[in-house]
Amino acid sequence: MTRPDLRATADAYDAVAVRYAELPRHDLDSVPLDRAVLAAFADHVRAAGPVAEVGCGPGRVTAHLRDLGLDAFGVDLSPVMVDLARAAYPDLRFEVGSLDALDLPDGSLHGVLSWYSVIHVPPADLPACFAEFRRVLVPGGHLLLGFFEAGGGPVAAFDHKVVTAYRWPVDDLAALARDAGFAEVGRVLREPCEGERFPQGRLLARAA
């Protein structure tokens, strides 16, 4: 891990990991649309093979994927988050790793979930992450992104509670995915729920 932004992100999440993991989280329980998107992703990849959640944090969504019948494991930049995920879900696999340099063979995955992890990647570095997602996916594998949508504006940084993050126009993310060798399957935009500041986006794409 040599890029300063990666080190800063890992350090920031290490510092808040225990408190973050202790927060009561019922996000998926209260947002049926998000559950539906994750279920659709699961339907595409369930019978195919392993799935990685990259940027898994304390492992809650990785566990949700397991509950949907997927052979899922998690990867996160923060060693403390990975330790917490392993303690909470000892039956699942969690590893320390970076979005743009996954320690996985080419074509070894049938699905990649990035649920609010690309939000911390500086815009100039995001194409490398999409290229890495494409590298580790088999042809026909699926990528699902969860992100803060820009609400009709350009890419914009904002004061995320942990470390700088970015809001993206869904069209721009779809273009980056297309440039990396993905075909869009579908997109979902929803308005902020209580306690959320921004519109939320989900983008599902298939590796060509």
N, C-alpha and C. Protein backbone atom coordinates (compact mmCIF):
# COMPACT_ATOMS: atom_id res chain seq x y z
N MET A 1 0.86 -1.19 0.00
CA MET A 1 0.00 0.00 0.00
C MET A 1 0.90 1.24 0.00
N THR A 2 1.09 1.85 -1.17
CA THR A 2 2.02 2.96 -1.28
C THR A 2 1.32 4.30 -1.53
N ARG A 3 0.12 4.29 -2.09
CA ARG A 3 -0.55 5.56 -2.38
C ARG A 3 -0.97 6.24 -1.09
N PRO A 4 -0.68 7.55 -0.94
CA PRO A 4 -1.04 8.25 0.30
C PRO A 4 -2.53 8.22 0.60
N ASP A 5 -3.39 8.28 -0.43
CA ASP A 5 -4.83 8.27 -0.17
C ASP A 5 -5.28 6.93 0.40
N LEU A 6 -4.65 5.83 -0.04
CA LEU A 6 -5.00 4.53 0.50
C LEU A 6 -4.60 4.42 1.96
N ARG A 7 -3.40 4.90 2.27
CA ARG A 7 -2.93 4.87 3.65
C ARG A 7 -3.84 5.71 4.55
N ALA A 8 -4.23 6.88 4.04
CA ALA A 8 -5.10 7.76 4.83
C ALA A 8 -6.46 7.13 5.06
N THR A 9 -7.01 6.46 4.04
CA THR A 9 -8.31 5.81 4.19
C THR A 9 -8.23 4.66 5.18
N ALA A 10 -7.19 3.83 5.05
CA ALA A 10 -7.03 2.71 5.98
C ALA A 10 -6.87 3.20 7.40
N ASP A 11 -6.03 4.22 7.60
CA ASP A 11 -5.81 4.74 8.95
C ASP A 11 -7.10 5.32 9.54
N ALA A 12 -7.86 6.03 8.70
CA ALA A 12 -9.09 6.65 9.18
C ALA A 12 -10.11 5.59 9.63
N TYR A 13 -10.23 4.52 8.85
CA TYR A 13 -11.18 3.48 9.24
C TYR A 13 -10.66 2.63 10.40
N ASP A 14 -9.36 2.42 10.46
CA ASP A 14 -8.80 1.75 11.63
C ASP A 14 -9.17 2.50 12.91
N ALA A 15 -9.09 3.83 12.85
CA ALA A 15 -9.30 4.65 14.04
C ALA A 15 -10.73 4.58 14.55
N VAL A 16 -11.69 4.37 13.65
CA VAL A 16 -13.11 4.37 14.06
C VAL A 16 -13.74 2.99 13.99
N ALA A 17 -12.97 1.97 13.67
CA ALA A 17 -13.53 0.66 13.35
C ALA A 17 -14.38 0.09 14.48
N VAL A 18 -13.88 0.11 15.70
CA VAL A 18 -14.62 -0.49 16.81
C VAL A 18 -15.94 0.25 17.03
N ARG A 19 -15.88 1.56 17.05
CA ARG A 19 -17.11 2.35 17.24
C ARG A 19 -18.06 2.14 16.07
N TYR A 20 -17.52 2.10 14.86
CA TYR A 20 -18.32 1.90 13.64
C TYR A 20 -19.05 0.56 13.71
N ALA A 21 -18.34 -0.49 14.12
CA ALA A 21 -18.94 -1.82 14.17
C ALA A 21 -20.00 -1.94 15.25
N GLU A 22 -19.90 -1.10 16.31
CA GLU A 22 -20.85 -1.17 17.41
C GLU A 22 -22.14 -0.39 17.14
N LEU A 23 -22.13 0.45 16.11
CA LEU A 23 -23.34 1.22 15.81
C LEU A 23 -24.47 0.27 15.43
N PRO A 24 -25.68 0.55 15.89
CA PRO A 24 -26.81 -0.28 15.46
C PRO A 24 -27.06 -0.08 13.98
N ARG A 25 -27.07 -1.15 13.23
CA ARG A 25 -27.23 -1.05 11.78
C ARG A 25 -28.43 -1.86 11.34
N HIS A 26 -29.42 -1.19 10.82
CA HIS A 26 -30.59 -1.88 10.30
C HIS A 26 -30.90 -1.34 8.90
N ASP A 27 -29.87 -0.89 8.21
CA ASP A 27 -30.07 -0.23 6.92
C ASP A 27 -30.85 -1.10 5.95
N LEU A 28 -30.43 -2.35 5.80
CA LEU A 28 -31.10 -3.21 4.83
C LEU A 28 -32.49 -3.58 5.29
N ASP A 29 -32.71 -3.67 6.60
CA ASP A 29 -34.04 -3.97 7.11
C ASP A 29 -35.04 -2.88 6.75
N SER A 30 -34.56 -1.64 6.72
CA SER A 30 -35.47 -0.51 6.53
C SER A 30 -35.52 0.00 5.10
N VAL A 31 -34.74 -0.57 4.20
CA VAL A 31 -34.71 -0.09 2.81
C VAL A 31 -34.97 -1.27 1.86
N PRO A 32 -36.22 -1.58 1.60
CA PRO A 32 -36.54 -2.73 0.74
C PRO A 32 -35.90 -2.63 -0.65
N LEU A 33 -35.76 -1.42 -1.18
CA LEU A 33 -35.19 -1.27 -2.52
C LEU A 33 -33.74 -1.75 -2.55
N ASP A 34 -32.97 -1.47 -1.49
CA ASP A 34 -31.60 -1.94 -1.43
C ASP A 34 -31.54 -3.46 -1.33
N ARG A 35 -32.43 -4.03 -0.52
CA ARG A 35 -32.48 -5.49 -0.41
C ARG A 35 -32.80 -6.11 -1.77
N ALA A 36 -33.69 -5.46 -2.51
CA ALA A 36 -34.08 -5.98 -3.82
C ALA A 36 -32.91 -5.96 -4.80
N VAL A 37 -32.11 -4.88 -4.76
CA VAL A 37 -30.95 -4.79 -5.66
C VAL A 37 -29.94 -5.88 -5.32
N LEU A 38 -29.67 -6.07 -4.03
CA LEU A 38 -28.73 -7.13 -3.63
C LEU A 38 -29.27 -8.51 -4.00
N ALA A 39 -30.58 -8.70 -3.87
CA ALA A 39 -31.18 -9.97 -4.24
C ALA A 39 -31.06 -10.22 -5.75
N ALA A 40 -31.23 -9.17 -6.55
CA ALA A 40 -31.07 -9.32 -8.00
C ALA A 40 -29.64 -9.69 -8.35
N PHE A 41 -28.68 -9.02 -7.70
CA PHE A 41 -27.27 -9.38 -7.89
C PHE A 41 -27.05 -10.85 -7.54
N ALA A 42 -27.59 -11.27 -6.40
CA ALA A 42 -27.44 -12.66 -5.99
C ALA A 42 -28.04 -13.62 -7.00
N ASP A 43 -29.19 -13.27 -7.56
CA ASP A 43 -29.82 -14.14 -8.56
C ASP A 43 -28.94 -14.33 -9.77
N HIS A 44 -28.18 -13.31 -10.14
CA HIS A 44 -27.30 -13.40 -11.30
C HIS A 44 -26.10 -14.31 -11.04
N VAL A 45 -25.63 -14.39 -9.81
CA VAL A 45 -24.35 -15.07 -9.56
C VAL A 45 -24.46 -16.28 -8.65
N ARG A 46 -25.63 -16.57 -8.09
CA ARG A 46 -25.74 -17.59 -7.03
C ARG A 46 -25.19 -18.95 -7.45
N ALA A 47 -25.53 -19.41 -8.63
CA ALA A 47 -25.14 -20.75 -9.03
C ALA A 47 -23.78 -20.79 -9.72
N ALA A 48 -23.11 -19.65 -9.83
CA ALA A 48 -21.92 -19.58 -10.66
C ALA A 48 -20.62 -19.87 -9.90
N GLY A 49 -20.37 -19.18 -8.78
CA GLY A 49 -19.11 -19.36 -8.08
C GLY A 49 -18.87 -18.26 -7.08
N PRO A 50 -17.62 -18.10 -6.63
CA PRO A 50 -17.33 -17.18 -5.53
C PRO A 50 -17.58 -15.71 -5.86
N VAL A 51 -17.91 -14.97 -4.80
CA VAL A 51 -18.23 -13.55 -4.90
C VAL A 51 -17.45 -12.83 -3.81
N ALA A 52 -16.85 -11.69 -4.15
CA ALA A 52 -16.12 -10.87 -3.18
C ALA A 52 -16.85 -9.57 -2.94
N GLU A 53 -16.98 -9.21 -1.65
CA GLU A 53 -17.36 -7.84 -1.32
C GLU A 53 -16.08 -7.08 -1.04
N VAL A 54 -15.77 -6.11 -1.88
CA VAL A 54 -14.55 -5.33 -1.72
C VAL A 54 -14.88 -4.04 -0.98
N GLY A 55 -14.20 -3.82 0.13
CA GLY A 55 -14.56 -2.74 1.03
C GLY A 55 -15.66 -3.21 1.97
N CYS A 56 -15.44 -4.35 2.60
CA CYS A 56 -16.50 -5.02 3.35
C CYS A 56 -16.72 -4.47 4.74
N GLY A 57 -15.81 -3.62 5.26
CA GLY A 57 -15.98 -3.10 6.60
C GLY A 57 -16.12 -4.21 7.62
N PRO A 58 -17.06 -4.09 8.57
CA PRO A 58 -17.21 -5.12 9.60
C PRO A 58 -17.95 -6.36 9.16
N GLY A 59 -18.25 -6.48 7.88
CA GLY A 59 -18.72 -7.75 7.34
C GLY A 59 -20.21 -7.96 7.26
N ARG A 60 -21.01 -6.97 7.60
CA ARG A 60 -22.46 -7.19 7.65
C ARG A 60 -23.06 -7.55 6.28
N VAL A 61 -22.62 -6.81 5.25
CA VAL A 61 -23.21 -7.07 3.93
C VAL A 61 -22.66 -8.36 3.34
N THR A 62 -21.40 -8.69 3.63
CA THR A 62 -20.87 -9.99 3.22
C THR A 62 -21.71 -11.11 3.82
N ALA A 63 -22.07 -10.98 5.08
CA ALA A 63 -22.91 -11.98 5.73
C ALA A 63 -24.30 -12.02 5.08
N HIS A 64 -24.81 -10.86 4.68
CA HIS A 64 -26.11 -10.82 3.98
C HIS A 64 -26.02 -11.58 2.66
N LEU A 65 -24.92 -11.41 1.94
CA LEU A 65 -24.74 -12.16 0.70
C LEU A 65 -24.72 -13.66 0.97
N ARG A 66 -24.02 -14.06 2.04
CA ARG A 66 -24.03 -15.48 2.43
C ARG A 66 -25.45 -15.96 2.69
N ASP A 67 -26.22 -15.13 3.37
CA ASP A 67 -27.60 -15.52 3.69
C ASP A 67 -28.47 -15.61 2.43
N LEU A 68 -28.05 -14.93 1.37
CA LEU A 68 -28.76 -15.02 0.08
C LEU A 68 -28.31 -16.23 -0.73
N GLY A 69 -27.42 -17.03 -0.16
CA GLY A 69 -27.00 -18.26 -0.82
C GLY A 69 -25.72 -18.16 -1.62
N LEU A 70 -24.95 -17.07 -1.44
CA LEU A 70 -23.73 -16.90 -2.21
C LEU A 70 -22.51 -17.43 -1.48
N ASP A 71 -21.53 -17.86 -2.24
CA ASP A 71 -20.21 -18.23 -1.72
C ASP A 71 -19.40 -16.94 -1.62
N ALA A 72 -19.62 -16.19 -0.54
CA ALA A 72 -19.12 -14.82 -0.43
C ALA A 72 -17.99 -14.71 0.57
N PHE A 73 -17.05 -13.82 0.27
CA PHE A 73 -16.00 -13.44 1.21
C PHE A 73 -15.76 -11.95 1.10
N GLY A 74 -15.06 -11.38 2.08
CA GLY A 74 -14.86 -9.94 2.14
C GLY A 74 -13.41 -9.53 2.09
N VAL A 75 -13.18 -8.35 1.52
CA VAL A 75 -11.84 -7.73 1.45
C VAL A 75 -11.98 -6.30 1.92
N ASP A 76 -11.05 -5.83 2.73
CA ASP A 76 -11.09 -4.45 3.19
C ASP A 76 -9.68 -3.91 3.37
N LEU A 77 -9.55 -2.61 3.18
CA LEU A 77 -8.27 -1.92 3.31
C LEU A 77 -7.83 -1.81 4.77
N SER A 78 -8.79 -1.82 5.69
CA SER A 78 -8.52 -1.61 7.11
C SER A 78 -8.28 -2.92 7.84
N PRO A 79 -7.07 -3.16 8.35
CA PRO A 79 -6.83 -4.40 9.11
C PRO A 79 -7.73 -4.53 10.34
N VAL A 80 -8.05 -3.43 10.99
CA VAL A 80 -8.91 -3.50 12.17
C VAL A 80 -10.31 -3.93 11.77
N MET A 81 -10.83 -3.38 10.67
CA MET A 81 -12.14 -3.80 10.19
C MET A 81 -12.14 -5.30 9.87
N VAL A 82 -11.10 -5.78 9.25
CA VAL A 82 -11.02 -7.20 8.91
C VAL A 82 -11.02 -8.06 10.17
N ASP A 83 -10.28 -7.64 11.19
CA ASP A 83 -10.28 -8.38 12.46
C ASP A 83 -11.68 -8.42 13.07
N LEU A 84 -12.39 -7.30 13.03
CA LEU A 84 -13.74 -7.26 13.58
C LEU A 84 -14.70 -8.15 12.79
N ALA A 85 -14.55 -8.13 11.48
CA ALA A 85 -15.41 -8.98 10.63
C ALA A 85 -15.15 -10.45 10.92
N ARG A 86 -13.89 -10.83 11.06
CA ARG A 86 -13.57 -12.23 11.37
C ARG A 86 -14.15 -12.66 12.71
N ALA A 87 -14.11 -11.75 13.69
CA ALA A 87 -14.64 -12.08 15.02
C ALA A 87 -16.16 -12.20 14.98
N ALA A 88 -16.82 -11.34 14.21
CA ALA A 88 -18.28 -11.34 14.16
C ALA A 88 -18.83 -12.50 13.32
N TYR A 89 -18.09 -12.88 12.27
CA TYR A 89 -18.56 -13.91 11.34
C TYR A 89 -17.45 -14.93 11.12
N PRO A 90 -17.16 -15.75 12.12
CA PRO A 90 -16.01 -16.67 12.02
C PRO A 90 -16.17 -17.73 10.93
N ASP A 91 -17.37 -17.90 10.42
CA ASP A 91 -17.59 -18.88 9.36
C ASP A 91 -17.29 -18.31 7.98
N LEU A 92 -17.00 -17.01 7.90
CA LEU A 92 -16.72 -16.37 6.61
C LEU A 92 -15.25 -15.99 6.50
N ARG A 93 -14.81 -15.81 5.28
CA ARG A 93 -13.42 -15.43 5.01
C ARG A 93 -13.32 -13.93 4.79
N PHE A 94 -12.36 -13.30 5.46
CA PHE A 94 -12.10 -11.87 5.29
C PHE A 94 -10.59 -11.66 5.15
N GLU A 95 -10.21 -10.77 4.23
CA GLU A 95 -8.81 -10.51 3.95
C GLU A 95 -8.55 -9.02 3.85
N VAL A 96 -7.33 -8.62 4.17
CA VAL A 96 -6.90 -7.23 3.95
C VAL A 96 -6.49 -7.09 2.49
N GLY A 97 -6.97 -6.06 1.83
CA GLY A 97 -6.61 -5.86 0.44
C GLY A 97 -7.12 -4.53 -0.08
N SER A 98 -6.62 -4.14 -1.25
CA SER A 98 -6.96 -2.86 -1.87
C SER A 98 -7.79 -3.07 -3.12
N LEU A 99 -8.72 -2.15 -3.35
CA LEU A 99 -9.60 -2.25 -4.51
C LEU A 99 -8.85 -2.33 -5.83
N ASP A 100 -7.71 -1.66 -5.90
CA ASP A 100 -7.01 -1.59 -7.19
C ASP A 100 -5.88 -2.61 -7.31
N ALA A 101 -5.74 -3.50 -6.32
CA ALA A 101 -4.68 -4.51 -6.38
C ALA A 101 -5.11 -5.72 -5.54
N LEU A 102 -6.14 -6.40 -5.99
CA LEU A 102 -6.67 -7.54 -5.26
C LEU A 102 -5.74 -8.75 -5.40
N ASP A 103 -5.53 -9.45 -4.30
CA ASP A 103 -4.66 -10.62 -4.31
C ASP A 103 -5.46 -11.84 -4.75
N LEU A 104 -5.90 -11.79 -6.02
CA LEU A 104 -6.75 -12.84 -6.57
C LEU A 104 -6.30 -13.12 -8.00
N PRO A 105 -6.40 -14.36 -8.44
CA PRO A 105 -6.04 -14.68 -9.83
C PRO A 105 -7.02 -14.05 -10.83
N ASP A 106 -6.55 -13.92 -12.05
CA ASP A 106 -7.43 -13.45 -13.12
C ASP A 106 -8.63 -14.40 -13.26
N GLY A 107 -9.80 -13.81 -13.46
CA GLY A 107 -10.99 -14.61 -13.74
C GLY A 107 -11.37 -15.58 -12.65
N SER A 108 -11.12 -15.23 -11.40
CA SER A 108 -11.39 -16.15 -10.30
C SER A 108 -12.73 -15.92 -9.61
N LEU A 109 -13.42 -14.84 -9.95
CA LEU A 109 -14.67 -14.50 -9.29
C LEU A 109 -15.83 -14.48 -10.29
N HIS A 110 -17.03 -14.73 -9.76
CA HIS A 110 -18.24 -14.60 -10.57
C HIS A 110 -19.05 -13.38 -10.18
N GLY A 111 -18.66 -12.73 -9.10
CA GLY A 111 -19.32 -11.51 -8.70
C GLY A 111 -18.43 -10.65 -7.84
N VAL A 112 -18.55 -9.33 -7.99
CA VAL A 112 -17.87 -8.35 -7.15
C VAL A 112 -18.91 -7.35 -6.67
N LEU A 113 -18.99 -7.16 -5.36
CA LEU A 113 -19.84 -6.14 -4.78
C LEU A 113 -18.96 -5.05 -4.19
N SER A 114 -19.19 -3.82 -4.61
CA SER A 114 -18.52 -2.66 -4.02
C SER A 114 -19.62 -1.76 -3.46
N TRP A 115 -19.93 -1.96 -2.18
CA TRP A 115 -21.05 -1.26 -1.53
C TRP A 115 -20.48 -0.09 -0.74
N TYR A 116 -20.44 1.07 -1.38
CA TYR A 116 -19.91 2.30 -0.78
C TYR A 116 -18.43 2.20 -0.46
N SER A 117 -17.65 1.55 -1.32
CA SER A 117 -16.20 1.53 -1.16
C SER A 117 -15.50 2.38 -2.20
N VAL A 118 -16.00 2.41 -3.43
CA VAL A 118 -15.36 3.27 -4.44
C VAL A 118 -15.57 4.75 -4.13
N ILE A 119 -16.44 5.06 -3.18
CA ILE A 119 -16.71 6.47 -2.86
C ILE A 119 -15.47 7.20 -2.36
N HIS A 120 -14.51 6.47 -1.81
CA HIS A 120 -13.31 7.10 -1.25
C HIS A 120 -12.16 7.19 -2.25
N VAL A 121 -12.34 6.65 -3.45
CA VAL A 121 -11.27 6.64 -4.44
C VAL A 121 -11.26 7.96 -5.20
N PRO A 122 -10.12 8.67 -5.23
CA PRO A 122 -10.07 9.90 -6.03
C PRO A 122 -10.46 9.62 -7.47
N PRO A 123 -11.20 10.52 -8.11
CA PRO A 123 -11.70 10.26 -9.46
C PRO A 123 -10.64 9.80 -10.46
N ALA A 124 -9.46 10.37 -10.39
CA ALA A 124 -8.41 10.00 -11.35
C ALA A 124 -7.95 8.56 -11.18
N ASP A 125 -8.16 7.98 -9.99
CA ASP A 125 -7.70 6.62 -9.72
C ASP A 125 -8.79 5.57 -9.90
N LEU A 126 -10.02 6.01 -10.12
CA LEU A 126 -11.11 5.04 -10.19
C LEU A 126 -11.02 4.12 -11.41
N PRO A 127 -10.56 4.56 -12.59
CA PRO A 127 -10.45 3.60 -13.71
C PRO A 127 -9.60 2.38 -13.37
N ALA A 128 -8.56 2.55 -12.56
CA ALA A 128 -7.73 1.41 -12.18
C ALA A 128 -8.52 0.40 -11.36
N CYS A 129 -9.44 0.89 -10.53
CA CYS A 129 -10.28 -0.02 -9.75
C CYS A 129 -11.22 -0.81 -10.66
N PHE A 130 -11.83 -0.13 -11.64
CA PHE A 130 -12.71 -0.83 -12.56
C PHE A 130 -11.93 -1.87 -13.37
N ALA A 131 -10.71 -1.52 -13.76
CA ALA A 131 -9.88 -2.48 -14.49
C ALA A 131 -9.57 -3.70 -13.62
N GLU A 132 -9.34 -3.48 -12.33
CA GLU A 132 -9.06 -4.59 -11.42
C GLU A 132 -10.30 -5.45 -11.21
N PHE A 133 -11.46 -4.83 -11.08
CA PHE A 133 -12.70 -5.61 -10.97
C PHE A 133 -12.88 -6.49 -12.21
N ARG A 134 -12.62 -5.92 -13.38
CA ARG A 134 -12.77 -6.70 -14.61
C ARG A 134 -11.75 -7.84 -14.66
N ARG A 135 -10.53 -7.58 -14.19
CA ARG A 135 -9.48 -8.61 -14.21
C ARG A 135 -9.88 -9.84 -13.41
N VAL A 136 -10.45 -9.65 -12.23
CA VAL A 136 -10.72 -10.79 -11.35
C VAL A 136 -12.04 -11.49 -11.67
N LEU A 137 -12.86 -10.89 -12.54
CA LEU A 137 -14.14 -11.50 -12.90
C LEU A 137 -14.01 -12.38 -14.14
N VAL A 138 -14.75 -13.47 -14.15
CA VAL A 138 -14.86 -14.28 -15.36
C VAL A 138 -15.71 -13.51 -16.37
N PRO A 139 -15.57 -13.80 -17.66
CA PRO A 139 -16.51 -13.23 -18.62
C PRO A 139 -17.94 -13.62 -18.23
N GLY A 140 -18.81 -12.63 -18.21
CA GLY A 140 -20.17 -12.86 -17.78
C GLY A 140 -20.39 -12.67 -16.29
N GLY A 141 -19.30 -12.45 -15.52
CA GLY A 141 -19.44 -12.16 -14.11
C GLY A 141 -20.06 -10.78 -13.90
N HIS A 142 -20.56 -10.54 -12.69
CA HIS A 142 -21.31 -9.31 -12.43
C HIS A 142 -20.66 -8.44 -11.36
N LEU A 143 -20.77 -7.15 -11.58
CA LEU A 143 -20.30 -6.12 -10.65
C LEU A 143 -21.50 -5.30 -10.20
N LEU A 144 -21.61 -5.10 -8.88
CA LEU A 144 -22.64 -4.23 -8.34
C LEU A 144 -21.99 -3.14 -7.50
N LEU A 145 -22.29 -1.89 -7.82
CA LEU A 145 -21.76 -0.74 -7.09
C LEU A 145 -22.89 -0.08 -6.30
N GLY A 146 -22.59 0.29 -5.05
CA GLY A 146 -23.45 1.16 -4.27
C GLY A 146 -22.68 2.44 -3.99
N PHE A 147 -23.31 3.61 -4.21
CA PHE A 147 -22.57 4.87 -4.13
C PHE A 147 -23.51 6.03 -3.84
N PHE A 148 -22.94 7.17 -3.52
CA PHE A 148 -23.69 8.41 -3.38
C PHE A 148 -23.80 9.06 -4.75
N GLU A 149 -25.02 9.33 -5.19
CA GLU A 149 -25.23 9.89 -6.52
C GLU A 149 -25.14 11.41 -6.47
N ALA A 150 -24.68 12.01 -7.56
CA ALA A 150 -24.39 13.45 -7.58
C ALA A 150 -25.63 14.31 -7.76
N GLY A 151 -26.79 13.71 -7.97
CA GLY A 151 -28.01 14.49 -8.05
C GLY A 151 -28.06 15.46 -9.21
N GLY A 152 -27.53 15.04 -10.35
CA GLY A 152 -27.55 15.90 -11.54
C GLY A 152 -26.33 16.78 -11.70
N GLY A 153 -25.47 16.82 -10.72
CA GLY A 153 -24.25 17.63 -10.80
C GLY A 153 -23.05 16.80 -11.21
N PRO A 154 -21.88 17.42 -11.25
CA PRO A 154 -20.64 16.71 -11.58
C PRO A 154 -20.13 15.92 -10.38
N VAL A 155 -19.06 15.17 -10.59
CA VAL A 155 -18.38 14.50 -9.47
C VAL A 155 -18.02 15.54 -8.43
N ALA A 156 -18.31 15.25 -7.16
CA ALA A 156 -18.08 16.25 -6.12
C ALA A 156 -17.61 15.58 -4.84
N ALA A 157 -16.53 16.13 -4.25
CA ALA A 157 -16.07 15.66 -2.95
C ALA A 157 -16.98 16.20 -1.86
N PHE A 158 -17.10 15.44 -0.77
CA PHE A 158 -17.87 15.93 0.37
C PHE A 158 -17.24 15.44 1.67
N ASP A 159 -17.70 16.01 2.76
CA ASP A 159 -17.12 15.75 4.07
C ASP A 159 -17.73 14.51 4.72
N HIS A 160 -17.37 13.36 4.22
CA HIS A 160 -17.77 12.09 4.81
C HIS A 160 -17.28 12.04 6.25
N LYS A 161 -18.02 11.34 7.11
CA LYS A 161 -17.68 11.34 8.54
C LYS A 161 -16.33 10.70 8.84
N VAL A 162 -15.85 9.84 7.96
CA VAL A 162 -14.59 9.14 8.23
C VAL A 162 -13.43 9.76 7.44
N VAL A 163 -13.59 9.87 6.14
CA VAL A 163 -12.52 10.40 5.28
C VAL A 163 -13.18 10.90 3.99
N THR A 164 -12.51 11.79 3.28
CA THR A 164 -13.08 12.41 2.08
C THR A 164 -13.71 11.37 1.16
N ALA A 165 -14.89 11.68 0.66
CA ALA A 165 -15.60 10.80 -0.27
C ALA A 165 -16.12 11.63 -1.44
N TYR A 166 -16.66 10.92 -2.44
CA TYR A 166 -17.09 11.57 -3.67
C TYR A 166 -18.49 11.10 -4.05
N ARG A 167 -19.29 12.05 -4.53
CA ARG A 167 -20.59 11.76 -5.14
C ARG A 167 -20.38 11.69 -6.65
N TRP A 168 -20.99 10.67 -7.27
CA TRP A 168 -20.78 10.44 -8.70
C TRP A 168 -22.10 10.48 -9.47
N PRO A 169 -22.12 11.12 -10.64
CA PRO A 169 -23.25 10.92 -11.56
C PRO A 169 -23.25 9.47 -12.04
N VAL A 170 -24.41 8.84 -12.03
CA VAL A 170 -24.46 7.44 -12.43
C VAL A 170 -24.01 7.27 -13.88
N ASP A 171 -24.28 8.24 -14.74
CA ASP A 171 -23.83 8.13 -16.13
C ASP A 171 -22.30 8.07 -16.22
N ASP A 172 -21.62 8.82 -15.37
CA ASP A 172 -20.15 8.81 -15.39
C ASP A 172 -19.59 7.47 -14.93
N LEU A 173 -20.18 6.91 -13.86
CA LEU A 173 -19.73 5.60 -13.41
C LEU A 173 -20.01 4.53 -14.46
N ALA A 174 -21.17 4.61 -15.10
CA ALA A 174 -21.49 3.66 -16.16
C ALA A 174 -20.49 3.75 -17.31
N ALA A 175 -20.05 4.97 -17.62
CA ALA A 175 -19.06 5.14 -18.69
C ALA A 175 -17.71 4.54 -18.30
N LEU A 176 -17.29 4.73 -17.05
CA LEU A 176 -16.04 4.13 -16.59
C LEU A 176 -16.12 2.61 -16.64
N ALA A 177 -17.26 2.07 -16.23
CA ALA A 177 -17.44 0.62 -16.29
C ALA A 177 -17.37 0.13 -17.74
N ARG A 178 -18.02 0.84 -18.64
CA ARG A 178 -18.00 0.46 -20.05
C ARG A 178 -16.58 0.49 -20.60
N ASP A 179 -15.82 1.52 -20.25
CA ASP A 179 -14.44 1.62 -20.72
C ASP A 179 -13.57 0.48 -20.22
N ALA A 180 -13.94 -0.08 -19.05
CA ALA A 180 -13.16 -1.17 -18.47
C ALA A 180 -13.61 -2.55 -18.96
N GLY A 181 -14.61 -2.59 -19.82
CA GLY A 181 -15.05 -3.86 -20.38
C GLY A 181 -16.31 -4.43 -19.78
N PHE A 182 -17.17 -3.57 -19.23
CA PHE A 182 -18.45 -4.00 -18.67
C PHE A 182 -19.60 -3.51 -19.54
N ALA A 183 -20.66 -4.28 -19.53
CA ALA A 183 -21.91 -3.87 -20.16
C ALA A 183 -22.93 -3.62 -19.06
N GLU A 184 -23.59 -2.48 -19.10
CA GLU A 184 -24.57 -2.17 -18.06
C GLU A 184 -25.76 -3.12 -18.14
N VAL A 185 -26.16 -3.60 -16.96
CA VAL A 185 -27.36 -4.43 -16.85
C VAL A 185 -28.53 -3.59 -16.36
N GLY A 186 -28.28 -2.72 -15.40
CA GLY A 186 -29.35 -1.87 -14.89
C GLY A 186 -28.83 -0.93 -13.82
N ARG A 187 -29.67 0.03 -13.49
CA ARG A 187 -29.32 1.03 -12.49
C ARG A 187 -30.55 1.36 -11.67
N VAL A 188 -30.30 1.73 -10.42
CA VAL A 188 -31.37 2.16 -9.53
C VAL A 188 -30.92 3.43 -8.84
N LEU A 189 -31.77 4.44 -8.84
CA LEU A 189 -31.53 5.67 -8.09
C LEU A 189 -32.68 5.83 -7.11
N ARG A 190 -32.35 6.18 -5.88
CA ARG A 190 -33.41 6.43 -4.91
C ARG A 190 -33.10 7.69 -4.12
N GLU A 191 -34.14 8.28 -3.59
CA GLU A 191 -34.00 9.48 -2.78
C GLU A 191 -33.44 9.12 -1.40
N PRO A 192 -32.85 10.10 -0.71
CA PRO A 192 -32.29 9.80 0.62
C PRO A 192 -33.38 9.35 1.59
N CYS A 193 -33.04 8.36 2.39
CA CYS A 193 -33.90 7.97 3.51
C CYS A 193 -33.58 8.87 4.70
N GLU A 194 -34.33 8.71 5.77
CA GLU A 194 -34.09 9.49 6.97
C GLU A 194 -32.65 9.27 7.45
N GLY A 195 -31.95 10.36 7.70
CA GLY A 195 -30.57 10.28 8.15
C GLY A 195 -29.56 10.29 7.03
N GLU A 196 -30.00 10.22 5.77
CA GLU A 196 -29.10 10.28 4.62
C GLU A 196 -29.12 11.67 4.02
N ARG A 197 -27.98 12.12 3.55
CA ARG A 197 -27.88 13.48 3.02
C ARG A 197 -28.10 13.56 1.51
N PHE A 198 -27.78 12.48 0.80
CA PHE A 198 -27.70 12.55 -0.65
C PHE A 198 -28.51 11.44 -1.31
N PRO A 199 -28.85 11.62 -2.60
CA PRO A 199 -29.43 10.52 -3.37
C PRO A 199 -28.46 9.34 -3.41
N GLN A 200 -29.01 8.15 -3.55
CA GLN A 200 -28.22 6.92 -3.54
C GLN A 200 -28.32 6.26 -4.90
N GLY A 201 -27.19 5.71 -5.36
CA GLY A 201 -27.17 5.04 -6.66
C GLY A 201 -26.69 3.61 -6.55
N ARG A 202 -27.20 2.76 -7.45
CA ARG A 202 -26.75 1.38 -7.58
C ARG A 202 -26.61 1.08 -9.07
N LEU A 203 -25.49 0.48 -9.43
CA LEU A 203 -25.20 0.19 -10.83
C LEU A 203 -24.79 -1.28 -10.93
N LEU A 204 -25.50 -2.02 -11.77
CA LEU A 204 -25.21 -3.44 -12.00
C LEU A 204 -24.66 -3.59 -13.42
N ALA A 205 -23.52 -4.25 -13.55
CA ALA A 205 -22.88 -4.40 -14.86
C ALA A 205 -22.34 -5.82 -15.00
N ARG A 206 -22.19 -6.23 -16.26
CA ARG A 206 -21.72 -7.59 -16.57
C ARG A 206 -20.39 -7.50 -17.32
N ALA A 207 -19.44 -8.32 -16.92
CA ALA A 207 -18.14 -8.35 -17.59
C ALA A 207 -18.27 -8.95 -18.98
N ALA A 208 -17.78 -8.26 -19.97
CA ALA A 208 -17.87 -8.74 -21.37
C ALA A 208 -16.92 -9.90 -21.58
